[in-house]
């Protein structure tokens, strides 16, 4: 995994958000993602957004969503 590497998930819905994180459904699981780990190219970054979620590979791996 390289620094700056990102992972993309399609058809993601953001169900809730706090000041620091968003709650999204990815592959049937509800997962909190820190907003600092959401890439600028993401379509999902706040409550009610849906579409393509782009997050750092680092957080995807920590959340069990990505294997190198």
Protein backbone atom coordinates (compact mmCIF):
# COMPACT_ATOMS: atom_id res chain seq x y z
CA UNK A 1 0.00 0.00 0.00
CA UNK A 2 1.45 3.33 -1.05
CA UNK A 3 0.96 6.67 0.68
CA UNK A 4 -1.94 8.48 -0.95
CA UNK A 5 -3.48 5.31 -2.38
CA UNK A 6 -7.28 5.36 -2.43
CA UNK A 7 -10.04 2.76 -2.68
CA UNK A 8 -13.39 3.34 -4.41
CA UNK A 9 -16.76 1.85 -3.47
CA UNK A 10 -19.82 2.26 -5.70
CA UNK A 11 -23.47 2.73 -4.66
CA UNK A 12 -22.70 3.90 -1.12
CA UNK A 13 -25.25 5.77 1.01
CA UNK A 14 -24.32 8.10 3.86
CA UNK A 15 -26.92 7.69 6.59
CA UNK A 16 -25.54 10.02 9.25
CA UNK A 17 -22.68 12.35 10.02
CA UNK A 18 -20.96 14.03 12.91
CA UNK A 19 -18.48 16.87 12.83
CA UNK A 20 -15.65 14.38 12.31
CA UNK A 21 -17.09 11.27 10.61
CA UNK A 22 -19.72 9.86 8.26
CA UNK A 23 -21.77 6.68 8.70
CA UNK A 24 -21.98 4.79 5.42
CA UNK A 25 -23.32 1.46 4.28
CA UNK A 26 -20.70 -0.53 2.37
CA UNK A 27 -21.47 -4.05 1.23
CA UNK A 28 -24.34 -4.33 3.73
CA UNK A 29 -22.31 -3.10 6.71
CA UNK A 30 -22.69 0.21 8.56
CA UNK A 31 -19.23 1.73 8.97
CA UNK A 32 -18.02 5.01 10.43
CA UNK A 33 -15.38 6.69 8.25
CA UNK A 34 -13.42 9.73 9.49
CA UNK A 35 -14.05 12.69 7.20
CA UNK A 36 -10.29 13.24 7.08
CA UNK A 37 -9.99 9.92 5.22
CA UNK A 38 -12.53 10.77 2.49
CA UNK A 39 -10.84 11.74 -0.78
CA UNK A 40 -11.73 14.97 -2.61
CA UNK A 41 -12.97 12.88 -5.58
CA UNK A 42 -15.66 11.21 -3.46
CA UNK A 43 -19.33 11.84 -4.25
CA UNK A 44 -20.25 10.77 -0.71
CA UNK A 45 -19.08 13.09 2.06
CA UNK A 46 -22.17 14.00 4.10
CA UNK A 47 -25.58 12.81 5.30
CA UNK A 48 -27.95 11.99 2.44
CA UNK A 49 -25.24 11.70 -0.19
CA UNK A 50 -25.08 8.57 -2.30
CA UNK A 51 -22.86 7.32 -5.09
CA UNK A 52 -19.13 6.70 -5.29
CA UNK A 53 -17.20 6.77 -2.01
CA UNK A 54 -13.44 7.29 -2.33
CA UNK A 55 -11.42 6.77 0.84
CA UNK A 56 -7.80 6.20 1.73
CA UNK A 57 -6.56 2.64 1.42
CA UNK A 58 -5.23 2.96 4.96
CA UNK A 59 -8.68 3.44 6.53
CA UNK A 60 -10.24 0.85 4.19
CA UNK A 61 -7.71 -1.68 5.43
CA UNK A 62 -8.24 -0.74 9.10
CA UNK A 63 -12.01 -1.16 8.66
CA UNK A 64 -11.56 -4.57 7.02
CA UNK A 65 -12.76 -3.38 3.60
CA UNK A 66 -9.52 -3.79 1.67
CA UNK A 67 -6.73 -6.32 1.42
CA UNK A 68 -3.55 -5.31 -0.38
